[in-house]
PDB file of N, CA and C in Angstrom:
ATOM      1  N   MET A   1      -3.221 -33.788  22.947  1.00  0.00           N
ATOM      2  CA  MET A   1      -2.944 -32.830  21.895  1.00  0.00           C
ATOM      3  C   MET A   1      -1.836 -31.897  22.366  1.00  0.00           C
ATOM      4  N   GLN A   2      -0.859 -31.734  21.534  1.00  0.00           N
ATOM      5  CA  GLN A   2       0.202 -30.777  21.835  1.00  0.00           C
ATOM      6  C   GLN A   2      -0.251 -29.399  21.345  1.00  0.00           C
ATOM      7  N   VAL A   3      -0.181 -28.408  22.219  1.00  0.00           N
ATOM      8  CA  VAL A   3      -0.539 -27.038  21.858  1.00  0.00           C
ATOM      9  C   VAL A   3       0.731 -26.202  21.895  1.00  0.00           C
ATOM     10  N   VAL A   4       1.027 -25.536  20.773  1.00  0.00           N
ATOM     11  CA  VAL A   4       2.218 -24.701  20.680  1.00  0.00           C
ATOM     12  C   VAL A   4       1.809 -23.312  20.209  1.00  0.00           C
ATOM     13  N   PHE A   5       2.717 -22.378  20.349  1.00  0.00           N
ATOM     14  CA  PHE A   5       2.470 -21.000  19.945  1.00  0.00           C
ATOM     15  C   PHE A   5       3.277 -20.688  18.690  1.00  0.00           C
ATOM     16  N   TYR A   6       2.601 -20.091  17.720  1.00  0.00           N
ATOM     17  CA  TYR A   6       3.275 -19.646  16.504  1.00  0.00           C
ATOM     18  C   TYR A   6       4.327 -18.607  16.858  1.00  0.00           C
ATOM     19  N   MET A   7       5.515 -18.741  16.235  1.00  0.00           N
ATOM     20  CA  MET A   7       6.584 -17.754  16.414  1.00  0.00           C
ATOM     21  C   MET A   7       7.023 -17.282  15.029  1.00  0.00           C
ATOM     22  N   ASN A   8       7.074 -15.960  14.841  1.00  0.00           N
ATOM     23  CA  ASN A   8       7.496 -15.441  13.546  1.00  0.00           C
ATOM     24  C   ASN A   8       9.027 -15.395  13.461  1.00  0.00           C
ATOM     25  N   ALA A   9       9.517 -14.935  12.324  1.00  0.00           N
ATOM     26  CA  ALA A   9      10.956 -14.917  12.083  1.00  0.00           C
ATOM     27  C   ALA A   9      11.711 -14.007  13.055  1.00  0.00           C
ATOM     28  N   LYS A  10      11.016 -13.031  13.635  1.00  0.00           N
ATOM     29  CA  LYS A  10      11.642 -12.119  14.599  1.00  0.00           C
ATOM     30  C   LYS A  10      11.642 -12.689  16.019  1.00  0.00           C
ATOM     31  N   GLY A  11      11.056 -13.879  16.189  1.00  0.00           N
ATOM     32  CA  GLY A  11      10.971 -14.481  17.513  1.00  0.00           C
ATOM     33  C   GLY A  11       9.770 -14.020  18.322  1.00  0.00           C
ATOM     34  N   GLU A  12       8.845 -13.306  17.687  1.00  0.00           N
ATOM     35  CA  GLU A  12       7.640 -12.828  18.375  1.00  0.00           C
ATOM     36  C   GLU A  12       6.579 -13.921  18.380  1.00  0.00           C
ATOM     37  N   GLU A  13       5.832 -13.998  19.472  1.00  0.00           N
ATOM     38  CA  GLU A  13       4.745 -14.955  19.600  1.00  0.00           C
ATOM     39  C   GLU A  13       3.448 -14.177  19.865  1.00  0.00           C
ATOM     40  N   PRO A  14       2.719 -13.843  18.798  1.00  0.00           N
ATOM     41  CA  PRO A  14       1.542 -12.979  18.943  1.00  0.00           C
ATOM     42  C   PRO A  14       0.490 -13.500  19.924  1.00  0.00           C
ATOM     43  N   ALA A  15       0.270 -14.806  19.987  1.00  0.00           N
ATOM     44  CA  ALA A  15      -0.744 -15.339  20.910  1.00  0.00           C
ATOM     45  C   ALA A  15      -0.307 -15.141  22.363  1.00  0.00           C
ATOM     46  N   ILE A  16       0.963 -15.336  22.650  1.00  0.00           N
ATOM     47  CA  ILE A  16       1.460 -15.128  24.016  1.00  0.00           C
ATOM     48  C   ILE A  16       1.385 -13.648  24.374  1.00  0.00           C
ATOM     49  N   ASP A  17       1.758 -12.785  23.430  1.00  0.00           N
ATOM     50  CA  ASP A  17       1.659 -11.340  23.681  1.00  0.00           C
ATOM     51  C   ASP A  17       0.220 -10.950  24.003  1.00  0.00           C
ATOM     52  N   PHE A  18      -0.734 -11.520  23.269  1.00  0.00           N
ATOM     53  CA  PHE A  18      -2.137 -11.234  23.524  1.00  0.00           C
ATOM     54  C   PHE A  18      -2.553 -11.726  24.911  1.00  0.00           C
ATOM     55  N   LEU A  19      -2.202 -12.949  25.239  1.00  0.00           N
ATOM     56  CA  LEU A  19      -2.567 -13.499  26.552  1.00  0.00           C
ATOM     57  C   LEU A  19      -2.007 -12.642  27.682  1.00  0.00           C
ATOM     58  N   GLU A  20      -0.784 -12.190  27.527  1.00  0.00           N
ATOM     59  CA  GLU A  20      -0.153 -11.353  28.555  1.00  0.00           C
ATOM     60  C   GLU A  20      -0.845  -9.996  28.700  1.00  0.00           C
ATOM     61  N   SER A  21      -1.538  -9.549  27.647  1.00  0.00           N
ATOM     62  CA  SER A  21      -2.203  -8.241  27.689  1.00  0.00           C
ATOM     63  C   SER A  21      -3.582  -8.297  28.364  1.00  0.00           C
ATOM     64  N   LEU A  22      -4.104  -9.503  28.580  1.00  0.00           N
ATOM     65  CA  LEU A  22      -5.451  -9.641  29.140  1.00  0.00           C
ATOM     66  C   LEU A  22      -5.468  -9.368  30.631  1.00  0.00           C
ATOM     67  N   ASP A  23      -6.639  -8.939  31.126  1.00  0.00           N
ATOM     68  CA  ASP A  23      -6.781  -8.768  32.568  1.00  0.00           C
ATOM     69  C   ASP A  23      -6.746 -10.159  33.212  1.00  0.00           C
ATOM     70  N   PRO A  24      -6.437 -10.248  34.493  1.00  0.00           N
ATOM     71  CA  PRO A  24      -6.230 -11.555  35.139  1.00  0.00           C
ATOM     72  C   PRO A  24      -7.386 -12.547  34.993  1.00  0.00           C
ATOM     73  N   LYS A  25      -8.631 -12.080  35.105  1.00  0.00           N
ATOM     74  CA  LYS A  25      -9.769 -13.002  34.991  1.00  0.00           C
ATOM     75  C   LYS A  25      -9.886 -13.566  33.574  1.00  0.00           C
ATOM     76  N   MET A  26      -9.767 -12.701  32.569  1.00  0.00           N
ATOM     77  CA  MET A  26      -9.872 -13.155  31.181  1.00  0.00           C
ATOM     78  C   MET A  26      -8.689 -14.065  30.837  1.00  0.00           C
ATOM     79  N   LYS A  27      -7.514 -13.719  31.307  1.00  0.00           N
ATOM     80  CA  LYS A  27      -6.335 -14.548  31.062  1.00  0.00           C
ATOM     81  C   LYS A  27      -6.529 -15.938  31.666  1.00  0.00           C
ATOM     82  N   ALA A  28      -7.078 -16.008  32.870  1.00  0.00           N
ATOM     83  CA  ALA A  28      -7.328 -17.295  33.519  1.00  0.00           C
ATOM     84  C   ALA A  28      -8.336 -18.119  32.719  1.00  0.00           C
ATOM     85  N   LYS A  29      -9.396 -17.471  32.232  1.00  0.00           N
ATOM     86  CA  LYS A  29     -10.400 -18.187  31.438  1.00  0.00           C
ATOM     87  C   LYS A  29      -9.794 -18.725  30.153  1.00  0.00           C
ATOM     88  N   MET A  30      -9.033 -17.888  29.453  1.00  0.00           N
ATOM     89  CA  MET A  30      -8.455 -18.327  28.182  1.00  0.00           C
ATOM     90  C   MET A  30      -7.419 -19.429  28.415  1.00  0.00           C
ATOM     91  N   THR A  31      -6.656 -19.322  29.488  1.00  0.00           N
ATOM     92  CA  THR A  31      -5.678 -20.365  29.812  1.00  0.00           C
ATOM     93  C   THR A  31      -6.385 -21.695  30.073  1.00  0.00           C
ATOM     94  N   ARG A  32      -7.517 -21.644  30.759  1.00  0.00           N
ATOM     95  CA  ARG A  32      -8.294 -22.862  31.028  1.00  0.00           C
ATOM     96  C   ARG A  32      -8.816 -23.462  29.720  1.00  0.00           C
ATOM     97  N   ILE A  33      -9.249 -22.632  28.795  1.00  0.00           N
ATOM     98  CA  ILE A  33      -9.754 -23.126  27.517  1.00  0.00           C
ATOM     99  C   ILE A  33      -8.621 -23.724  26.682  1.00  0.00           C
ATOM    100  N   ILE A  34      -7.436 -23.130  26.749  1.00  0.00           N
ATOM    101  CA  ILE A  34      -6.275 -23.713  26.062  1.00  0.00           C
ATOM    102  C   ILE A  34      -5.984 -25.097  26.641  1.00  0.00           C
ATOM    103  N   HIS A  35      -6.097 -25.225  27.962  1.00  0.00           N
ATOM    104  CA  HIS A  35      -5.902 -26.529  28.599  1.00  0.00           C
ATOM    105  C   HIS A  35      -6.963 -27.528  28.109  1.00  0.00           C
ATOM    106  N   LEU A  36      -8.212 -27.076  27.967  1.00  0.00           N
ATOM    107  CA  LEU A  36      -9.260 -27.959  27.443  1.00  0.00           C
ATOM    108  C   LEU A  36      -8.919 -28.434  26.030  1.00  0.00           C
ATOM    109  N   LEU A  37      -8.316 -27.574  25.226  1.00  0.00           N
ATOM    110  CA  LEU A  37      -7.877 -27.963  23.889  1.00  0.00           C
ATOM    111  C   LEU A  37      -6.797 -29.033  23.987  1.00  0.00           C
ATOM    112  N   GLN A  38      -5.862 -28.869  24.922  1.00  0.00           N
ATOM    113  CA  GLN A  38      -4.812 -29.881  25.112  1.00  0.00           C
ATOM    114  C   GLN A  38      -5.419 -31.242  25.463  1.00  0.00           C
ATOM    115  N   VAL A  39      -6.388 -31.234  26.351  1.00  0.00           N
ATOM    116  CA  VAL A  39      -6.984 -32.481  26.836  1.00  0.00           C
ATOM    117  C   VAL A  39      -7.912 -33.113  25.793  1.00  0.00           C
ATOM    118  N   ASN A  40      -8.737 -32.303  25.141  1.00  0.00           N
ATOM    119  CA  ASN A  40      -9.778 -32.824  24.254  1.00  0.00           C
ATOM    120  C   ASN A  40      -9.435 -32.807  22.770  1.00  0.00           C
ATOM    121  N   GLY A  41      -8.422 -32.041  22.387  1.00  0.00           N
ATOM    122  CA  GLY A  41      -8.027 -31.959  20.984  1.00  0.00           C
ATOM    123  C   GLY A  41      -9.172 -31.537  20.089  1.00  0.00           C
ATOM    124  N   ASN A  42      -9.274 -32.179  18.933  1.00  0.00           N
ATOM    125  CA  ASN A  42     -10.301 -31.780  17.968  1.00  0.00           C
ATOM    126  C   ASN A  42     -11.703 -32.227  18.359  1.00  0.00           C
ATOM    127  N   LYS A  43     -11.861 -32.827  19.518  1.00  0.00           N
ATOM    128  CA  LYS A  43     -13.194 -33.172  20.032  1.00  0.00           C
ATOM    129  C   LYS A  43     -13.813 -31.996  20.803  1.00  0.00           C
ATOM    130  N   LEU A  44     -13.027 -30.967  21.096  1.00  0.00           N
ATOM    131  CA  LEU A  44     -13.537 -29.787  21.796  1.00  0.00           C
ATOM    132  C   LEU A  44     -14.499 -29.045  20.869  1.00  0.00           C
ATOM    133  N   ARG A  45     -15.651 -28.671  21.393  1.00  0.00           N
ATOM    134  CA  ARG A  45     -16.691 -28.029  20.594  1.00  0.00           C
ATOM    135  C   ARG A  45     -17.160 -26.724  21.242  1.00  0.00           C
ATOM    136  N   GLU A  46     -18.175 -26.114  20.609  1.00  0.00           N
ATOM    137  CA  GLU A  46     -18.774 -24.899  21.162  1.00  0.00           C
ATOM    138  C   GLU A  46     -19.315 -25.204  22.547  1.00  0.00           C
ATOM    139  N   PRO A  47     -19.243 -24.289  23.458  1.00  0.00           N
ATOM    140  CA  PRO A  47     -18.958 -22.862  23.291  1.00  0.00           C
ATOM    141  C   PRO A  47     -17.470 -22.522  23.378  1.00  0.00           C
ATOM    142  N   TYR A  48     -16.596 -23.516  23.531  1.00  0.00           N
ATOM    143  CA  TYR A  48     -15.176 -23.246  23.737  1.00  0.00           C
ATOM    144  C   TYR A  48     -14.407 -22.973  22.450  1.00  0.00           C
ATOM    145  N   THR A  49     -14.825 -23.597  21.379  1.00  0.00           N
ATOM    146  CA  THR A  49     -14.131 -23.429  20.112  1.00  0.00           C
ATOM    147  C   THR A  49     -15.140 -23.430  18.974  1.00  0.00           C
ATOM    148  N   LYS A  50     -14.735 -22.843  17.862  1.00  0.00           N
ATOM    149  CA  LYS A  50     -15.609 -22.805  16.694  1.00  0.00           C
ATOM    150  C   LYS A  50     -14.746 -22.807  15.442  1.00  0.00           C
ATOM    151  N   TYR A  51     -15.180 -23.580  14.440  1.00  0.00           N
ATOM    152  CA  TYR A  51     -14.507 -23.572  13.146  1.00  0.00           C
ATOM    153  C   TYR A  51     -14.908 -22.302  12.412  1.00  0.00           C
ATOM    154  N   LEU A  52     -13.923 -21.613  11.833  1.00  0.00           N
ATOM    155  CA  LEU A  52     -14.209 -20.386  11.089  1.00  0.00           C
ATOM    156  C   LEU A  52     -14.225 -20.661   9.593  1.00  0.00           C
ATOM    157  N   ARG A  53     -13.052 -20.925   9.023  1.00  0.00           N
ATOM    158  CA  ARG A  53     -12.940 -21.291   7.603  1.00  0.00           C
ATOM    159  C   ARG A  53     -11.486 -21.599   7.274  1.00  0.00           C
ATOM    160  N   ASP A  54     -11.272 -22.284   6.161  1.00  0.00           N
ATOM    161  CA  ASP A  54      -9.922 -22.562   5.652  1.00  0.00           C
ATOM    162  C   ASP A  54      -9.005 -23.184   6.701  1.00  0.00           C
ATOM    163  N   GLY A  55      -9.551 -24.060   7.531  1.00  0.00           N
ATOM    164  CA  GLY A  55      -8.734 -24.743   8.531  1.00  0.00           C
ATOM    165  C   GLY A  55      -8.411 -23.921   9.763  1.00  0.00           C
ATOM    166  N   ILE A  56      -9.048 -22.763   9.908  1.00  0.00           N
ATOM    167  CA  ILE A  56      -8.805 -21.880  11.049  1.00  0.00           C
ATOM    168  C   ILE A  56      -9.957 -22.012  12.049  1.00  0.00           C
ATOM    169  N   PHE A  57      -9.585 -22.145  13.319  1.00  0.00           N
ATOM    170  CA  PHE A  57     -10.540 -22.254  14.418  1.00  0.00           C
ATOM    171  C   PHE A  57     -10.302 -21.104  15.388  1.00  0.00           C
ATOM    172  N   GLU A  58     -11.266 -20.884  16.291  1.00  0.00           N
ATOM    173  CA  GLU A  58     -11.072 -19.890  17.341  1.00  0.00           C
ATOM    174  C   GLU A  58     -11.414 -20.497  18.691  1.00  0.00           C
ATOM    175  N   LEU A  59     -10.595 -20.163  19.688  1.00  0.00           N
ATOM    176  CA  LEU A  59     -10.918 -20.445  21.078  1.00  0.00           C
ATOM    177  C   LEU A  59     -11.688 -19.240  21.574  1.00  0.00           C
ATOM    178  N   ARG A  60     -12.729 -19.478  22.378  1.00  0.00           N
ATOM    179  CA  ARG A  60     -13.656 -18.412  22.752  1.00  0.00           C
ATOM    180  C   ARG A  60     -13.752 -18.274  24.263  1.00  0.00           C
ATOM    181  N   ALA A  61     -13.559 -17.043  24.746  1.00  0.00           N
ATOM    182  CA  ALA A  61     -13.693 -16.762  26.180  1.00  0.00           C
ATOM    183  C   ALA A  61     -14.490 -15.479  26.363  1.00  0.00           C
ATOM    184  N   LYS A  62     -15.325 -15.496  27.396  1.00  0.00           N
ATOM    185  CA  LYS A  62     -16.133 -14.318  27.697  1.00  0.00           C
ATOM    186  C   LYS A  62     -16.061 -14.057  29.192  1.00  0.00           C
ATOM    187  N   GLU A  63     -15.838 -12.795  29.541  1.00  0.00           N
ATOM    188  CA  GLU A  63     -15.795 -12.366  30.944  1.00  0.00           C
ATOM    189  C   GLU A  63     -16.574 -11.067  31.011  1.00  0.00           C
ATOM    190  N   GLY A  64     -17.765 -11.128  31.609  1.00  0.00           N
ATOM    191  CA  GLY A  64     -18.623  -9.954  31.629  1.00  0.00           C
ATOM    192  C   GLY A  64     -19.022  -9.596  30.211  1.00  0.00           C
ATOM    193  N   ARG A  65     -18.730  -8.377  29.813  1.00  0.00           N
ATOM    194  CA  ARG A  65     -19.049  -7.935  28.447  1.00  0.00           C
ATOM    195  C   ARG A  65     -17.872  -8.123  27.492  1.00  0.00           C
ATOM    196  N   ASP A  66     -16.725  -8.492  28.025  1.00  0.00           N
ATOM    197  CA  ASP A  66     -15.531  -8.669  27.192  1.00  0.00           C
ATOM    198  C   ASP A  66     -15.532 -10.048  26.552  1.00  0.00           C
ATOM    199  N   ILE A  67     -15.198 -10.071  25.280  1.00  0.00           N
ATOM    200  CA  ILE A  67     -15.127 -11.316  24.527  1.00  0.00           C
ATOM    201  C   ILE A  67     -13.752 -11.381  23.886  1.00  0.00           C
ATOM    202  N   SER A  68     -13.020 -12.460  24.173  1.00  0.00           N
ATOM    203  CA  SER A  68     -11.688 -12.641  23.600  1.00  0.00           C
ATOM    204  C   SER A  68     -11.657 -13.890  22.737  1.00  0.00           C
ATOM    205  N   ARG A  69     -10.826 -13.840  21.723  1.00  0.00           N
ATOM    206  CA  ARG A  69     -10.645 -14.970  20.826  1.00  0.00           C
ATOM    207  C   ARG A  69      -9.156 -15.206  20.604  1.00  0.00           C
ATOM    208  N   VAL A  70      -8.785 -16.472  20.515  1.00  0.00           N
ATOM    209  CA  VAL A  70      -7.434 -16.863  20.093  1.00  0.00           C
ATOM    210  C   VAL A  70      -7.620 -17.801  18.915  1.00  0.00           C
ATOM    211  N   LEU A  71      -7.023 -17.478  17.784  1.00  0.00           N
ATOM    212  CA  LEU A  71      -7.160 -18.286  16.581  1.00  0.00           C
ATOM    213  C   LEU A  71      -6.068 -19.344  16.527  1.00  0.00           C
ATOM    214  N   TYR A  72      -6.392 -20.465  15.889  1.00  0.00           N
ATOM    215  CA  TYR A  72      -5.432 -21.564  15.802  1.00  0.00           C
ATOM    216  C   TYR A  72      -5.754 -22.463  14.624  1.00  0.00           C
ATOM    217  N   PHE A  73      -4.812 -23.355  14.338  1.00  0.00           N
ATOM    218  CA  PHE A  73      -4.997 -24.363  13.295  1.00  0.00           C
ATOM    219  C   PHE A  73      -4.337 -25.654  13.762  1.00  0.00           C
ATOM    220  N   TYR A  74      -4.719 -26.741  13.122  1.00  0.00           N
ATOM    221  CA  TYR A  74      -4.145 -28.050  13.453  1.00  0.00           C
ATOM    222  C   TYR A  74      -3.040 -28.398  12.470  1.00  0.00           C
ATOM    223  N   VAL A  75      -2.052 -29.141  12.977  1.00  0.00           N
ATOM    224  CA  VAL A  75      -0.951 -29.637  12.169  1.00  0.00           C
ATOM    225  C   VAL A  75      -0.951 -31.159  12.306  1.00  0.00           C
ATOM    226  N   THR A  76      -0.608 -31.853  11.233  1.00  0.00           N
ATOM    227  CA  THR A  76      -0.518 -33.308  11.287  1.00  0.00           C
ATOM    228  C   THR A  76       0.402 -33.722  12.423  1.00  0.00           C
ATOM    229  N   GLY A  77       0.002 -34.736  13.144  1.00  0.00           N
ATOM    230  CA  GLY A  77       0.807 -35.198  14.269  1.00  0.00           C
ATOM    231  C   GLY A  77       0.218 -34.771  15.590  1.00  0.00           C
ATOM    232  N   ASN A  78      -1.096 -34.483  15.609  1.00  0.00           N
ATOM    233  CA  ASN A  78      -1.786 -34.171  16.861  1.00  0.00           C
ATOM    234  C   ASN A  78      -1.270 -32.895  17.524  1.00  0.00           C
ATOM    235  N   LYS A  79      -1.164 -31.830  16.733  1.00  0.00           N
ATOM    236  CA  LYS A  79      -0.658 -30.550  17.227  1.00  0.00           C
ATOM    237  C   LYS A  79      -1.589 -29.419  16.820  1.00  0.00           C
ATOM    238  N   ALA A  80      -1.827 -28.494  17.763  1.00  0.00           N
ATOM    239  CA  ALA A  80      -2.571 -27.267  17.476  1.00  0.00           C
ATOM    240  C   ALA A  80      -1.614 -26.099  17.656  1.00  0.00           C
ATOM    241  N   VAL A  81      -1.654 -25.163  16.713  1.00  0.00           N
ATOM    242  CA  VAL A  81      -0.776 -23.991  16.759  1.00  0.00           C
ATOM    243  C   VAL A  81      -1.636 -22.762  16.976  1.00  0.00           C
ATOM    244  N   LEU A  82      -1.421 -22.081  18.119  1.00  0.00           N
ATOM    245  CA  LEU A  82      -2.149 -20.850  18.428  1.00  0.00           C
ATOM    246  C   LEU A  82      -1.436 -19.696  17.726  1.00  0.00           C
ATOM    247  N   THR A  83      -2.174 -18.944  16.922  1.00  0.00           N
ATOM    248  CA  THR A  83      -1.538 -17.897  16.118  1.00  0.00           C
ATOM    249  C   THR A  83      -1.535 -16.538  16.800  1.00  0.00           C
ATOM    250  N   HIS A  84      -2.706 -16.052  17.177  1.00  0.00           N
ATOM    251  CA  HIS A  84      -2.818 -14.715  17.759  1.00  0.00           C
ATOM    252  C   HIS A  84      -4.196 -14.574  18.392  1.00  0.00           C
ATOM    253  N   GLY A  85      -4.405 -13.486  19.077  1.00  0.00           N
ATOM    254  CA  GLY A  85      -5.693 -13.250  19.712  1.00  0.00           C
ATOM    255  C   GLY A  85      -6.140 -11.825  19.511  1.00  0.00           C
ATOM    256  N   PHE A  86      -7.397 -11.591  19.825  1.00  0.00           N
ATOM    257  CA  PHE A  86      -7.960 -10.245  19.728  1.00  0.00           C
ATOM    258  C   PHE A  86      -9.197 -10.171  20.608  1.00  0.00           C
ATOM    259  N   VAL A  87      -9.576  -8.951  20.933  1.00  0.00           N
ATOM    260  CA  VAL A  87     -10.802  -8.704  21.669  1.00  0.00           C
ATOM    261  C   VAL A  87     -11.885  -8.457  20.631  1.00  0.00           C
ATOM    262  N   LYS A  88     -12.943  -9.226  20.718  1.00  0.00           N
ATOM    263  CA  LYS A  88     -14.003  -9.174  19.725  1.00  0.00           C
ATOM    264  C   LYS A  88     -14.921  -7.984  19.994  1.00  0.00           C
ATOM    265  N   LYS A  89     -15.180  -7.207  18.951  1.00  0.00           N
ATOM    266  CA  LYS A  89     -16.020  -6.004  19.064  1.00  0.00           C
ATOM    267  C   LYS A  89     -17.320  -6.130  18.279  1.00  0.00           C
ATOM    268  N   THR A  90     -17.408  -7.119  17.375  1.00  0.00           N
ATOM    269  CA  THR A  90     -18.580  -7.288  16.525  1.00  0.00           C
ATOM    270  C   THR A  90     -19.128  -8.702  16.674  1.00  0.00           C
ATOM    271  N   ASN A  91     -20.288  -8.955  16.076  1.00  0.00           N
ATOM    272  CA  ASN A  91     -20.884 -10.284  16.151  1.00  0.00           C
ATOM    273  C   ASN A  91     -20.080 -11.333  15.390  1.00  0.00           C
ATOM    274  N   ARG A  92     -19.466 -10.932  14.301  1.00  0.00           N
ATOM    275  CA  ARG A  92     -18.685 -11.868  13.489  1.00  0.00           C
ATOM    276  C   ARG A  92     -17.202 -11.635  13.688  1.00  0.00           C
ATOM    277  N   THR A  93     -16.436 -12.715  13.551  1.00  0.00           N
ATOM    278  CA  THR A  93     -14.980 -12.580  13.596  1.00  0.00           C
ATOM    279  C   THR A  93     -14.546 -11.822  12.343  1.00  0.00           C
ATOM    280  N   PRO A  94     -13.810 -10.725  12.505  1.00  0.00           N
ATOM    281  CA  PRO A  94     -13.398  -9.940  11.335  1.00  0.00           C
ATOM    282  C   PRO A  94     -12.592 -10.779  10.341  1.00  0.00           C
ATOM    283  N   PRO A  95     -12.924 -10.699   9.059  1.00  0.00           N
ATOM    284  CA  PRO A  95     -12.169 -11.451   8.044  1.00  0.00           C
ATOM    285  C   PRO A  95     -10.671 -11.165   8.100  1.00  0.00           C
ATOM    286  N   SER A  96     -10.287  -9.949   8.475  1.00  0.00           N
ATOM    287  CA  SER A  96      -8.857  -9.616   8.547  1.00  0.00           C
ATOM    288  C   SER A  96      -8.139 -10.462   9.593  1.00  0.00           C
ATOM    289  N   GLU A  97      -8.825 -10.819  10.680  1.00  0.00           N
ATOM    290  CA  GLU A  97      -8.215 -11.667  11.706  1.00  0.00           C
ATOM    291  C   GLU A  97      -8.037 -13.098  11.194  1.00  0.00           C
ATOM    292  N   ILE A  98      -9.003 -13.581  10.421  1.00  0.00           N
ATOM    293  CA  ILE A  98      -8.883 -14.917   9.832  1.00  0.00           C
ATOM    294  C   ILE A  98      -7.743 -14.933   8.818  1.00  0.00           C
ATOM    295  N   GLU A  99      -7.662 -13.881   8.006  1.00  0.00           N
ATOM    296  CA  GLU A  99      -6.585 -13.786   7.014  1.00  0.00           C
ATOM    297  C   GLU A  99      -5.218 -13.753   7.700  1.00  0.00           C
ATOM    298  N   ARG A 100      -5.134 -13.071   8.812  1.00  0.00           N
ATOM    299  CA  ARG A 100      -3.882 -13.016   9.579  1.00  0.00           C
ATOM    300  C   ARG A 100      -3.492 -14.418  10.051  1.00  0.00           C
ATOM    301  N   ALA A 101      -4.465 -15.191  10.551  1.00  0.00           N
ATOM    302  CA  ALA A 101      -4.189 -16.559  10.994  1.00  0.00           C
ATOM    303  C   ALA A 101      -3.740 -17.439   9.825  1.00  0.00           C
ATOM    304  N   ILE A 102      -4.364 -17.249   8.671  1.00  0.00           N
ATOM    305  CA  ILE A 102      -3.968 -18.014   7.476  1.00  0.00           C
ATOM    306  C   ILE A 102      -2.538 -17.668   7.088  1.00  0.00           C
ATOM    307  N   LYS A 103      -2.188 -16.389   7.143  1.00  0.00           N
ATOM    308  CA  LYS A 103      -0.816 -15.960   6.842  1.00  0.00           C
ATOM    309  C   LYS A 103       0.178 -16.610   7.798  1.00  0.00           C
ATOM    310  N   TYR A 104      -0.165 -16.621   9.078  1.00  0.00           N
ATOM    311  CA  TYR A 104       0.710 -17.252  10.070  1.00  0.00           C
ATOM    312  C   TYR A 104       0.818 -18.755   9.823  1.00  0.00           C
ATOM    313  N   ARG A 105      -0.291 -19.397   9.454  1.00  0.00           N
ATOM    314  CA  ARG A 105      -0.262 -20.840   9.167  1.00  0.00           C
ATOM    315  C   ARG A 105       0.657 -21.123   7.981  1.00  0.00           C
ATOM    316  N   ASP A 106       0.530 -20.313   6.926  1.00  0.00           N
ATOM    317  CA  ASP A 106       1.385 -20.512   5.752  1.00  0.00           C
ATOM    318  C   ASP A 106       2.850 -20.300   6.108  1.00  0.00           C
ATOM    319  N   ASP A 107       3.122 -19.297   6.932  1.00  0.00           N
ATOM    320  CA  ASP A 107       4.485 -19.044   7.392  1.00  0.00           C
ATOM    321  C   ASP A 107       4.995 -20.194   8.248  1.00  0.00           C
ATOM    322  N   TYR A 108       4.138 -20.728   9.107  1.00  0.00           N
ATOM    323  CA  TYR A 108       4.509 -21.850   9.981  1.00  0.00           C
ATOM    324  C   TYR A 108       4.876 -23.088   9.160  1.00  0.00           C
ATOM    325  N   SER A 109       4.117 -23.358   8.096  1.00  0.00           N
ATOM    326  CA  SER A 109       4.391 -24.551   7.287  1.00  0.00           C
ATOM    327  C   SER A 109       5.726 -24.432   6.567  1.00  0.00           C
ATOM    328  N   ILE A 110       6.143 -23.203   6.271  1.00  0.00           N
ATOM    329  CA  ILE A 110       7.447 -23.001   5.651  1.00  0.00           C
ATOM    330  C   ILE A 110       8.564 -23.240   6.672  1.00  0.00           C
ATOM    331  N   GLN A 111       8.340 -22.797   7.919  1.00  0.00           N
ATOM    332  CA  GLN A 111       9.340 -22.963   8.990  1.00  0.00           C
ATOM    333  C   GLN A 111       9.476 -24.406   9.436  1.00  0.00           C
ATOM    334  N   ASP A 112       8.346 -25.137   9.437  1.00  0.00           N
ATOM    335  CA  ASP A 112       8.305 -26.483  10.012  1.00  0.00           C
ATOM    336  C   ASP A 112       9.018 -27.518   9.206  1.00  0.00           C
TER     337      ASP A 112
END
């Protein structure tokens, strides 16, 4: 599976910016999970990934009490596009984060 990072019209890559903001242990865990996505593709399951809705999935990492998520979607041709990440504060993924990923997916399909 090819894993790529969404880039907006300004050249910003929100998922990379998020990864760079993480502490070293959390960054290492999330990087390992991204690698698992590359190796296993859509066969990767919980606890590493979870389907949310509307074609949006989340990669899941936990370090101590910190919980991080990186949202992504699949593109035809065996490709996953990582959109952005956030530190989870509630039991459910905030709908606004899913909507943001959907917006990025729609923008990506226009660029592609």
